[in-house]
Structure formats: structure tokens, C-alpha cells
Amino acid sequence: MPKKFDRNKTPKGSVDYQSKNPIETERSKGYFYVRHYKKSGNWKLYFESWKDGKKLQEPVPEVRYQSLGFLPTMTYEQARQAVKHHNFTRKGELKITRAEINAHKRYLEITTQDKILFPPQIAKEFLDRLERSNAKDKHKTKMKNLFFLTQVITSKLKLQPFKYNDRIDEVLAYIKDKKYSVSYSKDIIYMMNKWGSFYSKQTGKFFEPIGKIVPNTQRAIIRENNLKGRSVRRPSLPLTEEILEEVYRKSKDDLEQMKNYNWLRCSFYFGLRPSELDEALECPVVEEHISGVEILVVEQTKLIIKDEERIKRIPVITSQQKECIEIIKSGDAKAIRPDSEWVNKVCRMKNKKYGLRDGYDLYAGRKGFVDWVIKPNKEGGAGQTIENASIYCGHKSLDTTWTFYKDRISVNYQPTDYTESQKPKRKKKSG
């Protein structure tokens, strides 16, 4: 008689996907499958994954089918073949995060919001338009997240679109309470206007767009964040040239990783924010000074300043910056923004101890820029003053540069006759 199958035991030679670390198996990173409903003849797409040893099976909303290569009009057999191909393609990917799973959850959460303020059919059409746009996938995801947040805020405040502008103070009070940044607050207002305009066209109702957040309100938002002692993200550890060399060693044999390395390198030697470097790569603007020195021209988007003061100019004054300006001129052919996870992984040094919350992210280059740019030229730095460093960073105040960007843990000093006399003398070789 054949042996009875015991569901509680893992067959010999097979993989225990639920207990294995996701890095150790491909399947434990998650996969799609089709569930067949025989009575109706219909089928649905599901995503299965594991977290902390527990299996998660989540339905994929139909609005996501097309972006994943599926059509609702497919037969069950056609869908099965499509899902096999899709899972096989995903096996070759080196980076599979829970972002996909979270995207599916977000779609499901959206459908549970207030159906009076957000009629399902109109909300679905709005999401479809976001999905069909020509924007990059990363931008699409950001827009969907903002739309979800718009639903959360307006549902909580019971706001109809035609009341958005009249009750903007309540929206801003919510934003302050949640300690969102000025930049993120602007994104929320943008999405509220986008949805309000779309909703009014679909329903034939009046809509008055919300105006720009005035400077006084922006300062109040910043002040609220500072008082609460909270920031939007965890501060990054600063990048150094030593770490950059280690990143190069780890990346030099992989073309895609070298593009990530070049992006990180440019952010370090010019002290650019991630968005500033992306803009420079997409549309580089380089001027020539009367002295013949090249100048990288960058527009700052985060500062609360007049439009004419948003432009900052960073001179190319070292060989490292000269190499980076050539990379920037070539655009994304040589440099592409990496993921924060990749940055944190490749920047960690084996011989260095890190705290639980210590890590590197896309701001690591900018955080390390100030110390490099003020380091004496004969020691490998740019030899500039802290005032010049502040200008290159685009800070409104020298206090910002000193408080948040200058490394005061490491011991730095200019050599003196005394320190030179204290250096250990080299022993002469005998013989």
C-alpha cells in the first residue's frame, strides 16, 4: 500500500519554504498563481509569499492584471500558461522585495475607503489612468500611494472635493500633526487637486483647486517637525572616499552595479540631493567660468526660497569632480539611481561597528560631501572653506551645514609644528 502523505512533514529532499530565509530559495520570495472557480468557469490571480514562517495568500486586484501581463478575457488555461511564464521570468531577478505585495494590498485598501466620497467606478478609472501614464514605474507607485493618502485624509475629515479649498486649514492641521515634510505636503495637495479635477469632470460638479502652500505655512510645518524632534527619514551615515573605494571593488565586475556606483560617486563629489542628481543626469547644465573652470548648474526644489534663488552653481575644482562631470554629461548611460537597500549593503565596512539604527541611504554622498570638500587639498580633499561648502550644498544658513552635515565625531585638525614633532619617528633599517 502506498504511504499516506503527512502534511505536517516536509518530504525528504524538498525545501521547507516557510522556514527558509527568502534569500536561500527563489520560491520563498513569492510567486503568482491562478485559482479556478469551476462552477462559474472564472479565475482569479493570487500572490503567495512567506513572512516570519507564515504563508500569505493575497488576491491581486483586476486593475493590476494588465501591468503583470494578464487579461481578464483570458481563459483559465491561458492564464495558467501566462502565470508560469511570469513566475519563470521573475526567478532570474536578483532583487525581489515586498514592494509588489504592498502594492497589491494598497489597491485592496483603496477599495475599502468611503464609497460616497470616492465612488468605486470613478476611483478605479482614476487609478487606471495613473497606471496607463507614460511615467516610470517608481513615479506611478508614488502617485498611487499619494492617492491612497488623499482618501485617508479626506475620508477622516469628511471632505467633498468642492470643499477642499474652503477647509484647507483642516488639511494642513492634519499634515502638521502627522509631521509630513513640506515637500511631501506639496505632493499631497497636488494629488488632492488632481483627484478633485477628475472627479468634477466625471460628475459635472464644481471644483476650486487648492492654492500653493504659502511660505509662512511651510515654515510652520518645518517648525512643527523640529519641535517634535521627528524627521521624515532616518539620517544617513556619511559616505567617505574609503567607503567609495570599497563600493567600487564590490561593483567593478557588474555593469549595472557600476552605474549605481557612478551615481553614488557623483552625489558624493558634488554634494547633491538624490532628486537634484537625477535632474542633472536627465538634463545636465554645465557653464564655463571666465577662468575656464566648468560650473555644474543645479536647481534646488526643496528650499523655501524665491524661484530666482533656487539655482546653485558648483565649480569643478578637483580631478574627481572632473570625472564626475563627464559621467553627468553622459546621462543615464553611465549612472543610474540605486536602491537604498543596495547602498546600505555595499557601503557597510567589515571592520566597523554599527548601531541598530545606523545605515546608509541615498543621502550618504551628500552627508559626506562637506568633510571632503573642506579637507586640505594635499590630503585628497578640495581644500575649501566651510562657507563655500555651505554654498555648494545650497544651505540657507551656515548653521545648517555645521549642525547637520559636518562630522564632529572624527578627529580633524590642521597640522602644527607641535603635532608634526609628535609623529612617531621611523626606525632606520639595520644593515
Protein backbone atom coordinates (compact mmCIF):
# COMPACT_ATOMS: atom_id res chain seq x y z
CA MET A 1 0.00 0.00 0.00
CA PRO A 2 1.30 3.49 -0.76
CA LYS A 3 2.38 5.55 2.21
CA LYS A 4 -0.11 8.07 3.47
CA PHE A 5 1.01 11.65 2.87
CA ASP A 6 1.59 13.60 6.07
CA ARG A 7 1.04 17.33 5.52
CA ASN A 8 2.93 18.16 8.71
CA LYS A 9 6.17 16.64 7.46
CA THR A 10 8.42 18.07 4.80
CA PRO A 11 9.29 15.39 2.18
CA LYS A 12 12.95 14.42 2.10
CA GLY A 13 14.92 16.35 -0.46
CA SER A 14 12.36 19.15 -0.78
CA VAL A 15 12.70 22.70 0.51
CA ASP A 16 10.84 23.97 3.54
CA TYR A 17 9.85 27.29 2.00
CA GLN A 18 8.08 28.59 5.07
CA SER A 19 11.08 28.37 7.39
CA LYS A 20 13.82 29.09 4.85
CA ASN A 21 15.24 32.58 4.60
CA PRO A 22 13.90 34.32 1.43
CA ILE A 23 17.47 34.73 0.19
CA GLU A 24 18.01 30.96 0.25
CA THR A 25 15.15 29.98 -2.07
CA GLU A 26 13.59 31.55 -5.14
CA ARG A 27 10.04 30.44 -4.36
CA SER A 28 10.06 31.89 -0.88
CA LYS A 29 10.40 35.33 -2.46
CA GLY A 30 6.79 34.93 -3.56
CA TYR A 31 5.03 33.75 -6.69
CA PHE A 32 1.77 34.21 -8.59
CA TYR A 33 -0.81 31.51 -9.19
CA VAL A 34 -4.27 31.20 -10.75
CA ARG A 35 -7.25 29.93 -8.79
CA HIS A 36 -10.02 28.32 -10.87
CA TYR A 37 -13.72 28.57 -9.94
CA LYS A 38 -15.26 25.57 -11.68
CA LYS A 39 -18.92 26.47 -11.13
CA SER A 40 -18.67 29.85 -12.79
CA GLY A 41 -15.72 28.99 -15.02
CA ASN A 42 -13.97 32.17 -13.88
CA TRP A 43 -10.45 32.52 -12.47
CA LYS A 44 -8.57 34.94 -10.24
CA LEU A 45 -4.92 35.83 -9.86
CA TYR A 46 -3.32 35.43 -6.41
CA PHE A 47 0.09 36.19 -4.95
CA GLU A 48 1.59 33.81 -2.39
CA SER A 49 4.52 34.69 -0.14
CA TRP A 50 6.01 33.91 3.24
CA LYS A 51 6.84 36.19 6.13
CA ASP A 52 8.13 35.10 9.53
CA GLY A 53 7.35 31.49 8.65
CA LYS A 54 3.70 32.24 7.81
CA LYS A 55 2.12 31.79 4.41
CA LEU A 56 0.31 34.80 2.92
CA GLN A 57 -2.14 34.36 0.04
CA GLU A 58 -3.46 37.62 -1.33
CA PRO A 59 -5.81 38.26 -4.30
CA VAL A 60 -4.45 40.58 -6.98
CA PRO A 61 -6.97 43.31 -7.97
CA GLU A 62 -8.04 43.16 -11.62
CA VAL A 63 -6.71 46.67 -12.18
CA ARG A 64 -3.20 45.17 -11.80
CA TYR A 65 -3.70 42.34 -14.32
CA GLN A 66 -2.63 44.22 -17.43
CA SER A 67 0.58 45.57 -15.90
CA LEU A 68 1.51 41.98 -14.93
CA GLY A 69 0.78 40.58 -18.41
CA PHE A 70 -2.72 39.16 -17.79
CA LEU A 71 -6.07 39.95 -19.36
CA PRO A 72 -9.46 39.35 -17.68
CA THR A 73 -10.68 37.92 -21.00
CA MET A 74 -8.16 35.05 -20.88
CA THR A 75 -9.40 31.51 -20.39
CA TYR A 76 -8.24 29.59 -17.33
CA GLU A 77 -5.70 27.62 -19.39
CA GLN A 78 -4.33 30.78 -21.00
CA ALA A 79 -3.98 32.39 -17.58
CA ARG A 80 -2.14 29.31 -16.26
CA GLN A 81 0.37 29.49 -19.11
CA ALA A 82 0.81 33.23 -18.59
CA VAL A 83 1.43 32.82 -14.85
CA LYS A 84 4.02 30.09 -15.46
CA HIS A 85 5.88 32.38 -17.86
CA HIS A 86 5.65 35.30 -15.44
CA ASN A 87 6.98 33.30 -12.47
CA PHE A 88 9.79 31.84 -14.59
CA THR A 89 10.84 35.36 -15.64
CA ARG A 90 10.84 36.56 -12.03
CA LYS A 91 13.17 33.73 -10.95
CA GLY A 92 16.04 35.40 -12.78
CA GLU A 93 15.64 38.66 -10.89
CA LEU A 94 18.24 39.31 -8.22
CA LYS A 95 16.11 41.82 -6.34
CA ILE A 96 12.55 40.92 -5.34
CA THR A 97 11.22 42.89 -2.38
CA ARG A 98 7.84 43.08 -0.66
CA ALA A 99 7.05 46.20 -2.70
CA GLU A 100 4.90 44.14 -5.07
CA ILE A 101 2.92 42.66 -2.20
CA ASN A 102 2.42 46.07 -0.62
CA ALA A 103 1.20 47.44 -3.96
CA HIS A 104 -1.47 44.73 -4.11
CA LYS A 105 -2.52 45.46 -0.52
CA ARG A 106 -2.74 49.17 -1.29
CA TYR A 107 -5.17 48.52 -4.13
CA LEU A 108 -7.35 46.42 -1.85
CA GLU A 109 -7.27 49.10 0.86
CA ILE A 110 -8.29 51.77 -1.64
CA THR A 111 -11.49 49.91 -2.47
CA THR A 112 -12.50 49.91 1.21
CA GLN A 113 -12.44 53.70 1.60
CA ASP A 114 -15.53 55.91 1.80
CA LYS A 115 -17.63 54.96 -1.26
CA ILE A 116 -19.60 58.23 -1.14
CA LEU A 117 -16.51 60.44 -1.30
CA PHE A 118 -14.77 58.02 -3.65
CA PRO A 119 -17.28 56.19 -5.87
CA PRO A 120 -15.60 52.85 -6.76
CA GLN A 121 -16.09 53.14 -10.51
CA ILE A 122 -14.68 56.68 -10.69
CA ALA A 123 -11.79 55.80 -8.34
CA LYS A 124 -11.00 52.73 -10.48
CA GLU A 125 -10.95 54.82 -13.67
CA PHE A 126 -8.67 57.36 -11.95
CA LEU A 127 -6.24 54.56 -10.94
CA ASP A 128 -6.38 53.11 -14.45
CA ARG A 129 -5.30 56.47 -15.84
CA LEU A 130 -2.40 56.65 -13.42
CA GLU A 131 -1.39 53.13 -14.48
CA ARG A 132 -1.62 53.96 -18.20
CA SER A 133 0.50 57.11 -17.93
CA ASN A 134 3.94 57.25 -19.56
CA ALA A 135 5.65 57.84 -16.21
CA LYS A 136 8.24 55.48 -14.77
CA ASP A 137 7.01 52.65 -12.54
CA LYS A 138 8.52 54.30 -9.48
CA HIS A 139 6.60 57.50 -10.13
CA LYS A 140 3.37 55.57 -10.74
CA THR A 141 3.75 53.84 -7.38
CA LYS A 142 4.32 57.19 -5.68
CA MET A 143 1.17 58.65 -7.28
CA LYS A 144 -0.93 55.65 -6.18
CA ASN A 145 0.38 55.97 -2.63
CA LEU A 146 -0.49 59.67 -2.64
CA PHE A 147 -3.99 58.90 -3.91
CA PHE A 148 -4.47 56.41 -1.08
CA LEU A 149 -3.30 59.03 1.43
CA THR A 150 -5.68 61.57 -0.13
CA GLN A 151 -8.53 59.13 0.50
CA VAL A 152 -7.44 58.59 4.10
CA ILE A 153 -7.23 62.32 4.85
CA THR A 154 -10.45 63.40 3.12
CA SER A 155 -12.41 60.41 4.49
CA LYS A 156 -11.28 61.26 8.02
CA LEU A 157 -12.28 64.92 7.59
CA LYS A 158 -15.43 64.06 5.54
CA LEU A 159 -14.33 66.42 2.77
CA GLN A 160 -16.09 66.60 -0.58
CA PRO A 161 -13.83 67.86 -3.42
CA PHE A 162 -15.75 71.15 -3.73
CA LYS A 163 -14.87 71.84 -0.07
CA TYR A 164 -11.11 71.16 -0.37
CA ASN A 165 -10.08 74.80 -0.77
CA ASP A 166 -12.53 76.15 1.84
CA ARG A 167 -11.29 73.73 4.51
CA ILE A 168 -7.60 73.70 3.63
CA ASP A 169 -6.72 74.73 7.20
CA GLU A 170 -8.06 71.40 8.47
CA VAL A 171 -5.99 69.52 5.89
CA LEU A 172 -2.85 71.44 6.87
CA ALA A 173 -3.55 70.81 10.56
CA TYR A 174 -3.71 67.07 9.80
CA ILE A 175 -0.45 67.31 7.84
CA LYS A 176 1.29 69.10 10.73
CA ASP A 177 0.02 66.52 13.20
CA LYS A 178 1.41 63.70 11.05
CA LYS A 179 4.71 65.61 10.71
CA TYR A 180 4.92 65.30 6.93
CA SER A 181 7.69 67.29 5.26
CA VAL A 182 7.00 70.41 3.20
CA SER A 183 7.88 68.54 0.02
CA TYR A 184 5.52 65.66 0.84
CA SER A 185 2.79 68.11 1.87
CA LYS A 186 3.01 69.73 -1.57
CA ASP A 187 2.68 66.29 -3.17
CA ILE A 188 -0.48 65.61 -1.15
CA ILE A 189 -2.02 68.94 -2.23
CA TYR A 190 -1.08 68.15 -5.83
CA MET A 191 -2.87 64.79 -5.67
CA MET A 192 -5.94 66.30 -3.98
CA ASN A 193 -6.20 68.80 -6.86
CA LYS A 194 -5.65 66.06 -9.44
CA TRP A 195 -8.40 63.88 -7.97
CA GLY A 196 -10.75 66.85 -7.41
CA SER A 197 -10.41 67.94 -11.04
CA PHE A 198 -11.00 64.40 -12.34
CA TYR A 199 -13.98 63.84 -10.01
CA SER A 200 -15.61 67.14 -11.01
CA LYS A 201 -15.34 66.29 -14.73
CA GLN A 202 -16.87 62.87 -14.16
CA THR A 203 -19.76 64.16 -12.05
CA GLY A 204 -20.26 67.63 -13.52
CA LYS A 205 -19.74 69.29 -10.13
CA PHE A 206 -17.84 72.47 -9.30
CA PHE A 207 -14.23 72.23 -8.08
CA GLU A 208 -11.90 75.03 -6.96
CA PRO A 209 -8.24 73.90 -6.87
CA ILE A 210 -6.25 74.37 -3.69
CA GLY A 211 -3.67 77.15 -3.96
CA LYS A 212 0.03 76.84 -3.20
CA ILE A 213 1.17 76.43 0.39
CA VAL A 214 2.33 79.92 1.36
CA PRO A 215 5.86 80.38 2.82
CA ASN A 216 4.57 81.12 6.33
CA THR A 217 2.66 77.84 6.39
CA GLN A 218 5.69 75.98 5.05
CA ARG A 219 7.82 77.40 7.85
CA ALA A 220 5.15 76.37 10.37
CA ILE A 221 5.27 72.79 9.07
CA ILE A 222 9.07 72.73 9.38
CA ARG A 223 8.90 74.27 12.84
CA GLU A 224 6.35 71.64 13.94
CA ASN A 225 8.63 68.83 12.75
CA ASN A 226 11.62 70.34 14.57
CA LEU A 227 9.69 70.82 17.80
CA LYS A 228 8.54 67.23 17.80
CA GLY A 229 12.08 66.06 17.13
CA ARG A 230 11.00 63.85 14.27
CA SER A 231 12.18 63.69 10.70
CA VAL A 232 10.76 62.05 7.59
CA ARG A 233 13.61 59.60 7.33
CA ARG A 234 16.42 58.25 9.47
CA PRO A 235 19.60 60.33 8.99
CA SER A 236 22.11 58.56 6.78
CA LEU A 237 25.67 57.80 7.79
CA PRO A 238 28.15 59.85 5.72
CA LEU A 239 30.00 58.40 2.75
CA THR A 240 33.80 58.63 2.63
CA GLU A 241 36.38 58.06 -0.09
CA GLU A 242 37.48 54.90 1.73
CA ILE A 243 33.93 53.54 1.53
CA LEU A 244 33.68 54.58 -2.12
CA GLU A 245 36.78 52.53 -2.91
CA GLU A 246 35.19 49.53 -1.21
CA VAL A 247 31.96 50.03 -3.19
CA TYR A 248 34.00 50.15 -6.41
CA ARG A 249 35.75 46.90 -5.51
CA LYS A 250 32.39 45.21 -4.97
CA SER A 251 30.82 46.63 -8.14
CA LYS A 252 33.55 46.72 -10.79
CA ASP A 253 32.66 43.35 -12.36
CA ASP A 254 28.97 44.20 -12.88
CA LEU A 255 27.93 46.83 -15.45
CA GLU A 256 24.61 47.69 -13.76
CA GLN A 257 26.21 47.98 -10.34
CA MET A 258 28.88 50.25 -11.82
CA LYS A 259 26.10 52.60 -12.93
CA ASN A 260 24.83 52.61 -9.35
CA TYR A 261 28.38 53.25 -8.13
CA ASN A 262 28.79 56.18 -10.54
CA TRP A 263 25.54 57.72 -9.25
CA LEU A 264 26.75 57.39 -5.66
CA ARG A 265 30.13 58.85 -6.60
CA CYS A 266 28.59 61.90 -8.27
CA SER A 267 26.34 62.54 -5.28
CA PHE A 268 29.42 62.49 -3.03
CA TYR A 269 31.76 64.73 -5.03
CA PHE A 270 29.07 67.36 -5.74
CA GLY A 271 27.02 67.05 -2.52
CA LEU A 272 23.74 66.67 -4.41
CA ARG A 273 20.37 65.57 -3.12
CA PRO A 274 19.00 62.47 -4.91
CA SER A 275 16.39 64.49 -6.79
CA GLU A 276 19.00 67.09 -7.82
CA LEU A 277 21.34 64.46 -9.23
CA ASP A 278 18.50 62.74 -11.10
CA GLU A 279 17.57 66.07 -12.67
CA ALA A 280 21.20 66.79 -13.57
CA LEU A 281 21.54 63.39 -15.24
CA GLU A 282 18.31 63.85 -17.17
CA CYS A 283 19.11 67.39 -18.32
CA PRO A 284 22.72 68.39 -17.49
CA VAL A 285 23.51 72.11 -17.43
CA VAL A 286 27.20 72.96 -17.40
CA GLU A 287 28.53 76.51 -17.76
CA GLU A 288 32.09 77.75 -18.21
CA HIS A 289 33.51 80.34 -15.83
CA ILE A 290 35.60 83.21 -17.16
CA SER A 291 38.61 81.45 -15.63
CA GLY A 292 37.91 78.35 -17.74
CA VAL A 293 36.56 76.31 -14.82
CA GLU A 294 33.41 74.31 -15.54
CA ILE A 295 30.34 75.00 -13.38
CA LEU A 296 27.59 72.46 -12.66
CA VAL A 297 24.26 74.31 -12.52
CA VAL A 298 21.61 72.71 -10.31
CA GLU A 299 18.05 73.72 -9.46
CA GLN A 300 17.00 73.12 -5.86
CA THR A 301 13.40 72.05 -5.35
CA LYS A 302 13.19 71.63 -1.56
CA LEU A 303 14.11 75.07 -0.26
CA ILE A 304 11.56 77.72 0.69
CA ILE A 305 13.11 80.50 -1.38
CA LYS A 306 12.33 82.65 -4.38
CA ASP A 307 12.48 80.97 -7.79
CA GLU A 308 15.48 83.03 -8.88
CA GLU A 309 17.40 81.89 -5.78
CA ARG A 310 16.82 78.18 -6.37
CA ILE A 311 19.77 77.87 -8.74
CA LYS A 312 23.13 76.90 -7.24
CA ARG A 313 26.44 76.65 -9.05
CA ILE A 314 29.14 74.18 -8.07
CA PRO A 315 32.61 74.67 -9.60
CA VAL A 316 34.59 71.69 -10.87
CA ILE A 317 37.81 72.18 -8.88
CA THR A 318 39.24 68.66 -8.46
CA SER A 319 40.08 65.76 -10.73
CA GLN A 320 37.40 63.65 -9.02
CA GLN A 321 34.75 66.25 -9.87
CA LYS A 322 36.03 66.46 -13.45
CA GLU A 323 35.50 62.70 -13.85
CA CYS A 324 32.02 63.01 -12.32
CA ILE A 325 31.00 65.91 -14.57
CA GLU A 326 31.78 63.72 -17.58
CA ILE A 327 29.55 60.99 -16.11
CA ILE A 328 26.74 63.51 -15.58
CA LYS A 329 27.06 64.76 -19.16
CA SER A 330 26.58 61.19 -20.40
CA GLY A 331 23.24 60.92 -18.56
CA ASP A 332 21.82 57.57 -17.50
CA ALA A 333 24.17 55.76 -19.90
CA LYS A 334 26.74 55.67 -17.10
CA ALA A 335 24.86 56.48 -13.89
CA ILE A 336 21.51 55.29 -12.52
CA ARG A 337 19.99 55.91 -9.09
CA PRO A 338 20.41 52.77 -6.94
CA ASP A 339 18.03 51.42 -4.30
CA SER A 340 18.61 52.46 -0.69
CA GLU A 341 18.94 48.78 0.25
CA TRP A 342 21.81 48.36 -2.22
CA VAL A 343 23.56 51.48 -0.90
CA ASN A 344 23.30 50.31 2.70
CA LYS A 345 24.59 46.85 1.77
CA VAL A 346 27.65 47.88 -0.26
CA CYS A 347 28.68 50.78 1.98
CA ARG A 348 28.93 48.80 5.20
CA MET A 349 32.54 48.16 6.16
CA LYS A 350 33.52 44.84 7.69
CA ASN A 351 35.83 46.35 10.29
CA LYS A 352 33.33 48.95 11.53
CA LYS A 353 30.68 48.55 14.24
CA TYR A 354 27.19 49.88 13.55
CA GLY A 355 24.27 50.67 15.84
CA LEU A 356 20.82 49.20 15.36
CA ARG A 357 19.54 52.29 13.56
CA ASP A 358 22.76 53.13 11.72
CA GLY A 359 22.72 52.82 7.96
CA TYR A 360 23.49 54.39 4.59
CA ASP A 361 20.93 55.63 2.10
CA LEU A 362 20.74 57.83 -0.99
CA TYR A 363 21.78 60.87 1.08
CA ALA A 364 25.04 59.22 2.16
CA GLY A 365 27.04 61.01 -0.54
CA ARG A 366 25.62 64.42 0.34
CA LYS A 367 26.21 63.76 4.07
CA GLY A 368 29.89 63.05 3.43
CA PHE A 369 30.45 65.88 0.96
CA VAL A 370 31.14 68.67 3.46
CA ASP A 371 34.00 66.90 5.21
CA TRP A 372 35.61 66.00 1.88
CA VAL A 373 35.24 69.47 0.36
CA ILE A 374 36.84 71.26 3.36
CA LYS A 375 39.66 68.72 3.73
CA PRO A 376 43.04 70.21 2.65
CA ASN A 377 43.87 69.62 -0.98
CA LYS A 378 47.18 67.95 -0.17
CA GLU A 379 45.23 65.36 1.85
CA GLY A 380 42.93 64.48 -1.03
CA GLY A 381 40.12 66.97 -0.37
CA ALA A 382 39.01 70.10 -2.20
CA GLY A 383 40.51 72.49 0.38
CA GLN A 384 37.50 74.82 0.56
CA THR A 385 36.14 76.87 3.45
CA ILE A 386 33.04 75.83 5.38
CA GLU A 387 31.33 78.89 3.88
CA ASN A 388 31.96 77.62 0.34
CA ALA A 389 30.80 74.14 1.35
CA SER A 390 27.54 75.65 2.60
CA ILE A 391 27.02 77.46 -0.71
CA TYR A 392 27.70 74.28 -2.73
CA CYS A 393 25.18 72.39 -0.59
CA GLY A 394 22.64 75.14 -1.18
CA HIS A 395 22.00 75.74 2.51
CA LYS A 396 20.26 78.95 3.52
CA SER A 397 22.30 79.13 6.70
CA LEU A 398 25.84 78.16 7.68
CA ASP A 399 24.32 76.72 10.87
CA THR A 400 22.61 74.01 8.80
CA THR A 401 25.93 72.95 7.28
CA TRP A 402 27.68 72.90 10.62
CA THR A 403 24.89 71.26 12.63
CA PHE A 404 23.68 68.55 10.26
CA TYR A 405 26.48 67.91 7.76
CA LYS A 406 29.83 68.46 9.47
CA ASP A 407 31.22 65.30 11.05
CA ARG A 408 32.22 66.24 14.59
CA ILE A 409 32.93 62.71 15.77
CA SER A 410 36.07 62.12 13.73
CA VAL A 411 39.20 63.94 14.90
CA ASN A 412 40.25 66.57 12.33
CA TYR A 413 42.87 69.29 12.71
CA GLN A 414 45.35 71.31 10.70
CA PRO A 415 48.94 70.16 11.34
CA THR A 416 51.12 72.41 13.52
CA ASP A 417 54.83 72.36 14.37
CA TYR A 418 53.95 70.62 17.62
CA THR A 419 51.80 67.86 16.03
CA GLU A 420 54.48 67.28 13.41
CA SER A 421 57.11 66.89 16.16
CA GLN A 422 54.92 64.29 17.91
CA LYS A 423 54.79 61.93 14.94
CA PRO A 424 56.49 58.60 15.67
CA LYS A 425 59.94 58.52 14.13
CA ARG A 426 60.65 55.74 11.69
CA LYS A 427 63.32 53.30 12.78
CA LYS A 428 66.30 53.06 10.49
CA LYS A 429 66.78 49.70 8.88
CA SER A 430 69.87 47.94 10.16
CA GLY A 431 72.43 46.76 7.70
